Amino acid sequence: MIHFKTYNPSHKNKIIAIFHSNAPKYFDPEDEAYLIDFLDNYTDKNYLVVENNDGEIIGCGGYYTKEDRHGIPWVMFQQGSIGASNLLQIADTFYNEIESRIIAEGKMYPIHINTTQLMEKLFNRYGFVTYEKIKDGFGKGLDEYKMKKVFNQ
C-alpha cells in the first residue's frame, strides 16, 4: 500500500537520492541541477511524494497546469523499492491519483509528459500517444519522447 503527501522542502534530499538511484539508466546525471531548480522554485500542492506503509518516501511526481495544458514532471521511484511484481499496480495507483486530481480541477486540458523510450509503453497504458521523438534528447542513449493524452469530451 502507498500513501500520498504534498511535497515540502524537508523531502528534497530524499528526492535527490531517488534521482541518483535512477541515474544514468532513466535520467542523465547532468539533470540533477534541473531537478533541484524544480524542487526549489516550482513545486506546489500538486507535487506529491509517495510513502510506503513504513512512512518511507519511495517516489515522487505530480502535475501542473499551464495555459491550456497539464504537465507531469519528475516522476520517479527509488530503485528496488517496489519490486517488479508490484510495479504495475503501484504505477497504476500513482497515475490514477494524479489523473483524478486533474479531473477534479475540471480543466480537461490535454496532459503532456516528456519521458524516455524506456517509459513509453507504461504511459501508452494510460492513453498517452507519442507525438515527437528526439534522439538523445535527455542525454546519450536517453531519447526524449513527447507524449500527450487527450480527454474525450
C-alpha atoms as a PDB file:
ATOM      1  CA  MET A   1       0.000   0.000   0.000  1.00  0.00           C
ATOM      2  CA  ILE A   2       1.193   3.512  -0.760  1.00  0.00           C
ATOM      3  CA  HIS A   3       0.203   6.916   0.563  1.00  0.00           C
ATOM      4  CA  PHE A   4       0.489  10.388  -0.942  1.00  0.00           C
ATOM      5  CA  LYS A   5       1.663  13.594   0.722  1.00  0.00           C
ATOM      6  CA  THR A   6       2.233  17.047  -0.659  1.00  0.00           C
ATOM      7  CA  TYR A   7       5.933  17.692  -1.247  1.00  0.00           C
ATOM      8  CA  ASN A   8       7.669  20.025   1.182  1.00  0.00           C
ATOM      9  CA  PRO A   9      11.304  21.156   1.300  1.00  0.00           C
ATOM     10  CA  SER A  10      12.167  18.625   4.023  1.00  0.00           C
ATOM     11  CA  HIS A  11      11.696  15.915   1.357  1.00  0.00           C
ATOM     12  CA  LYS A  12      14.289  17.428  -1.003  1.00  0.00           C
ATOM     13  CA  ASN A  13      17.314  15.304  -0.060  1.00  0.00           C
ATOM     14  CA  LYS A  14      15.302  12.081  -0.322  1.00  0.00           C
ATOM     15  CA  ILE A  15      14.021  13.091  -3.788  1.00  0.00           C
ATOM     16  CA  ILE A  16      17.595  13.805  -4.896  1.00  0.00           C
ATOM     17  CA  ALA A  17      18.639  10.369  -3.577  1.00  0.00           C
ATOM     18  CA  ILE A  18      15.788   8.779  -5.564  1.00  0.00           C
ATOM     19  CA  PHE A  19      17.021  10.644  -8.651  1.00  0.00           C
ATOM     20  CA  HIS A  20      20.536   9.246  -8.111  1.00  0.00           C
ATOM     21  CA  SER A  21      19.132   5.712  -7.791  1.00  0.00           C
ATOM     22  CA  ASN A  22      17.675   6.139 -11.303  1.00  0.00           C
ATOM     23  CA  ALA A  23      20.699   7.719 -12.997  1.00  0.00           C
ATOM     24  CA  PRO A  24      22.107   7.040 -15.506  1.00  0.00           C
ATOM     25  CA  LYS A  25      19.563   4.421 -16.632  1.00  0.00           C
ATOM     26  CA  TYR A  26      16.468   6.654 -16.550  1.00  0.00           C
ATOM     27  CA  PHE A  27      17.880  10.149 -16.012  1.00  0.00           C
ATOM     28  CA  ASP A  28      21.030  11.878 -17.185  1.00  0.00           C
ATOM     29  CA  PRO A  29      23.085  12.649 -14.052  1.00  0.00           C
ATOM     30  CA  GLU A  30      23.647  16.133 -15.508  1.00  0.00           C
ATOM     31  CA  ASP A  31      19.929  16.853 -14.972  1.00  0.00           C
ATOM     32  CA  GLU A  32      20.287  16.980 -11.186  1.00  0.00           C
ATOM     33  CA  ALA A  33      20.556  20.787 -11.329  1.00  0.00           C
ATOM     34  CA  TYR A  34      17.211  20.949 -13.202  1.00  0.00           C
ATOM     35  CA  LEU A  35      15.583  18.767 -10.551  1.00  0.00           C
ATOM     36  CA  ILE A  36      16.933  20.945  -7.739  1.00  0.00           C
ATOM     37  CA  ASP A  37      15.704  24.096  -9.516  1.00  0.00           C
ATOM     38  CA  PHE A  38      12.275  22.484  -9.909  1.00  0.00           C
ATOM     39  CA  LEU A  39      12.119  21.460  -6.233  1.00  0.00           C
ATOM     40  CA  ASP A  40      13.273  24.888  -5.060  1.00  0.00           C
ATOM     41  CA  ASN A  41      11.119  27.026  -7.334  1.00  0.00           C
ATOM     42  CA  TYR A  42       8.209  25.218  -8.973  1.00  0.00           C
ATOM     43  CA  THR A  43       6.620  22.692  -6.628  1.00  0.00           C
ATOM     44  CA  ASP A  44       3.159  23.358  -5.269  1.00  0.00           C
ATOM     45  CA  LYS A  45       0.303  21.382  -3.701  1.00  0.00           C
ATOM     46  CA  ASN A  46       0.129  19.243  -6.860  1.00  0.00           C
ATOM     47  CA  TYR A  47       3.607  17.758  -6.488  1.00  0.00           C
ATOM     48  CA  LEU A  48       3.482  14.659  -4.319  1.00  0.00           C
ATOM     49  CA  VAL A  49       5.752  12.270  -2.523  1.00  0.00           C
ATOM     50  CA  VAL A  50       4.825   8.614  -2.289  1.00  0.00           C
ATOM     51  CA  GLU A  51       5.302   6.814   1.019  1.00  0.00           C
ATOM     52  CA  ASN A  52       5.231   3.100   1.727  1.00  0.00           C
ATOM     53  CA  ASN A  53       3.495   1.659   4.809  1.00  0.00           C
ATOM     54  CA  ASP A  54       6.597   2.339   6.902  1.00  0.00           C
ATOM     55  CA  GLY A  55       6.409   6.062   6.106  1.00  0.00           C
ATOM     56  CA  GLU A  56       9.497   5.909   3.886  1.00  0.00           C
ATOM     57  CA  ILE A  57       9.435   8.124   0.809  1.00  0.00           C
ATOM     58  CA  ILE A  58       9.849   5.832  -2.189  1.00  0.00           C
ATOM     59  CA  GLY A  59       8.742   8.069  -5.041  1.00  0.00           C
ATOM     60  CA  CYS A  60       7.505  11.411  -6.268  1.00  0.00           C
ATOM     61  CA  GLY A  61       5.682  13.120  -9.085  1.00  0.00           C
ATOM     62  CA  GLY A  62       2.737  15.325  -9.734  1.00  0.00           C
ATOM     63  CA  TYR A  63       1.271  17.698 -12.237  1.00  0.00           C
ATOM     64  CA  TYR A  64       0.989  21.339 -13.151  1.00  0.00           C
ATOM     65  CA  THR A  65      -1.449  23.347 -15.220  1.00  0.00           C
ATOM     66  CA  LYS A  66      -0.061  25.985 -17.564  1.00  0.00           C
ATOM     67  CA  GLU A  67      -2.232  27.867 -20.027  1.00  0.00           C
ATOM     68  CA  ASP A  68      -4.283  25.182 -21.818  1.00  0.00           C
ATOM     69  CA  ARG A  69      -2.363  22.070 -20.826  1.00  0.00           C
ATOM     70  CA  HIS A  70      -1.382  19.907 -17.896  1.00  0.00           C
ATOM     71  CA  GLY A  71       2.102  18.501 -17.492  1.00  0.00           C
ATOM     72  CA  ILE A  72       3.563  15.697 -15.411  1.00  0.00           C
ATOM     73  CA  PRO A  73       7.095  16.488 -14.161  1.00  0.00           C
ATOM     74  CA  TRP A  74       9.747  14.455 -12.375  1.00  0.00           C
ATOM     75  CA  VAL A  75       8.030  11.119 -11.765  1.00  0.00           C
ATOM     76  CA  MET A  76      10.377   8.561 -10.228  1.00  0.00           C
ATOM     77  CA  PHE A  77      10.589   5.779  -7.684  1.00  0.00           C
ATOM     78  CA  GLN A  78      13.536   4.592  -5.602  1.00  0.00           C
ATOM     79  CA  GLN A  79      15.194   1.732  -7.477  1.00  0.00           C
ATOM     80  CA  GLY A  80      14.330  -1.557  -5.800  1.00  0.00           C
ATOM     81  CA  SER A  81      11.688  -0.025  -3.522  1.00  0.00           C
ATOM     82  CA  ILE A  82       8.590  -1.598  -5.032  1.00  0.00           C
ATOM     83  CA  GLY A  83       9.685  -4.817  -6.694  1.00  0.00           C
ATOM     84  CA  ALA A  84       8.873  -5.969 -10.203  1.00  0.00           C
ATOM     85  CA  SER A  85       5.740  -7.838  -9.123  1.00  0.00           C
ATOM     86  CA  ASN A  86       4.202  -4.640  -7.674  1.00  0.00           C
ATOM     87  CA  LEU A  87       5.419  -2.230 -10.334  1.00  0.00           C
ATOM     88  CA  LEU A  88       2.297  -2.006 -12.476  1.00  0.00           C
ATOM     89  CA  GLN A  89      -0.081  -1.905  -9.514  1.00  0.00           C
ATOM     90  CA  ILE A  90       1.838   0.958  -7.890  1.00  0.00           C
ATOM     91  CA  ALA A  91       2.299   2.788 -11.192  1.00  0.00           C
ATOM     92  CA  ASP A  92      -1.445   2.464 -11.857  1.00  0.00           C
ATOM     93  CA  THR A  93      -2.331   3.707  -8.367  1.00  0.00           C
ATOM     94  CA  PHE A  94       0.043   6.641  -8.689  1.00  0.00           C
ATOM     95  CA  TYR A  95      -1.070   7.652 -12.177  1.00  0.00           C
ATOM     96  CA  ASN A  96      -4.750   7.319 -11.221  1.00  0.00           C
ATOM     97  CA  GLU A  97      -4.159   9.608  -8.227  1.00  0.00           C
ATOM     98  CA  ILE A  98      -2.624  12.282 -10.457  1.00  0.00           C
ATOM     99  CA  GLU A  99      -5.317  11.992 -13.126  1.00  0.00           C
ATOM    100  CA  SER A 100      -8.149  12.073 -10.574  1.00  0.00           C
ATOM    101  CA  ARG A 101      -6.724  15.307  -9.141  1.00  0.00           C
ATOM    102  CA  ILE A 102      -6.558  16.808 -12.633  1.00  0.00           C
ATOM    103  CA  ILE A 103     -10.158  15.785 -13.359  1.00  0.00           C
ATOM    104  CA  ALA A 104     -11.297  17.226 -10.004  1.00  0.00           C
ATOM    105  CA  GLU A 105      -9.985  20.629 -11.113  1.00  0.00           C
ATOM    106  CA  GLY A 106     -12.437  20.496 -14.006  1.00  0.00           C
ATOM    107  CA  LYS A 107      -9.949  21.704 -16.622  1.00  0.00           C
ATOM    108  CA  MET A 108      -9.935  18.900 -19.153  1.00  0.00           C
ATOM    109  CA  TYR A 109      -6.849  20.091 -20.994  1.00  0.00           C
ATOM    110  CA  PRO A 110      -4.523  17.574 -22.626  1.00  0.00           C
ATOM    111  CA  ILE A 111      -1.892  16.071 -20.321  1.00  0.00           C
ATOM    112  CA  HIS A 112       1.693  16.211 -21.593  1.00  0.00           C
ATOM    113  CA  ILE A 113       4.733  14.298 -20.449  1.00  0.00           C
ATOM    114  CA  ASN A 114       8.285  14.213 -21.747  1.00  0.00           C
ATOM    115  CA  THR A 115       9.809  10.832 -20.993  1.00  0.00           C
ATOM    116  CA  THR A 116      12.237   8.352 -22.491  1.00  0.00           C
ATOM    117  CA  GLN A 117      11.911   5.321 -24.706  1.00  0.00           C
ATOM    118  CA  LEU A 118      12.176   3.250 -21.512  1.00  0.00           C
ATOM    119  CA  MET A 119       8.830   4.536 -20.210  1.00  0.00           C
ATOM    120  CA  GLU A 120       6.823   4.951 -23.419  1.00  0.00           C
ATOM    121  CA  LYS A 121       4.903   1.672 -23.064  1.00  0.00           C
ATOM    122  CA  LEU A 122       3.958   2.457 -19.466  1.00  0.00           C
ATOM    123  CA  PHE A 123       2.427   5.786 -20.482  1.00  0.00           C
ATOM    124  CA  ASN A 124       0.746   4.179 -23.523  1.00  0.00           C
ATOM    125  CA  ARG A 125      -1.061   2.092 -20.878  1.00  0.00           C
ATOM    126  CA  TYR A 126      -2.712   5.284 -19.591  1.00  0.00           C
ATOM    127  CA  GLY A 127      -3.745   6.540 -23.018  1.00  0.00           C
ATOM    128  CA  PHE A 128      -0.722   8.677 -23.891  1.00  0.00           C
ATOM    129  CA  VAL A 129       0.388   8.864 -27.522  1.00  0.00           C
ATOM    130  CA  THR A 130       3.893   9.803 -28.648  1.00  0.00           C
ATOM    131  CA  TYR A 131       3.882  12.793 -30.988  1.00  0.00           C
ATOM    132  CA  GLU A 132       7.619  13.552 -31.202  1.00  0.00           C
ATOM    133  CA  LYS A 133      10.889  11.687 -30.629  1.00  0.00           C
ATOM    134  CA  ILE A 134      14.236  13.420 -30.138  1.00  0.00           C
ATOM    135  CA  LYS A 135      17.303  11.168 -30.349  1.00  0.00           C
ATOM    136  CA  ASP A 136      19.451  11.595 -27.216  1.00  0.00           C
ATOM    137  CA  GLY A 137      17.114  14.418 -26.118  1.00  0.00           C
ATOM    138  CA  PHE A 138      17.732  13.667 -22.443  1.00  0.00           C
ATOM    139  CA  GLY A 139      21.372  12.643 -22.837  1.00  0.00           C
ATOM    140  CA  LYS A 140      23.292   9.923 -24.633  1.00  0.00           C
ATOM    141  CA  GLY A 141      21.077   6.867 -25.027  1.00  0.00           C
ATOM    142  CA  LEU A 142      18.048   8.606 -23.486  1.00  0.00           C
ATOM    143  CA  ASP A 143      15.757   9.568 -26.337  1.00  0.00           C
ATOM    144  CA  GLU A 144      13.125  12.152 -25.453  1.00  0.00           C
ATOM    145  CA  TYR A 145       9.560  11.045 -26.164  1.00  0.00           C
ATOM    146  CA  LYS A 146       6.973  13.822 -26.102  1.00  0.00           C
ATOM    147  CA  MET A 147       3.636  12.261 -25.253  1.00  0.00           C
ATOM    148  CA  LYS A 148       0.113  13.558 -24.835  1.00  0.00           C
ATOM    149  CA  LYS A 149      -3.209  12.289 -23.547  1.00  0.00           C
ATOM    150  CA  VAL A 150      -6.403  13.995 -24.651  1.00  0.00           C
ATOM    151  CA  PHE A 151      -9.574  13.557 -22.620  1.00  0.00           C
ATOM    152  CA  ASN A 152     -12.667  12.535 -24.535  1.00  0.00           C
ATOM    153  CA  GLN A 153     -15.026  15.480 -24.457  1.00  0.00           C
END
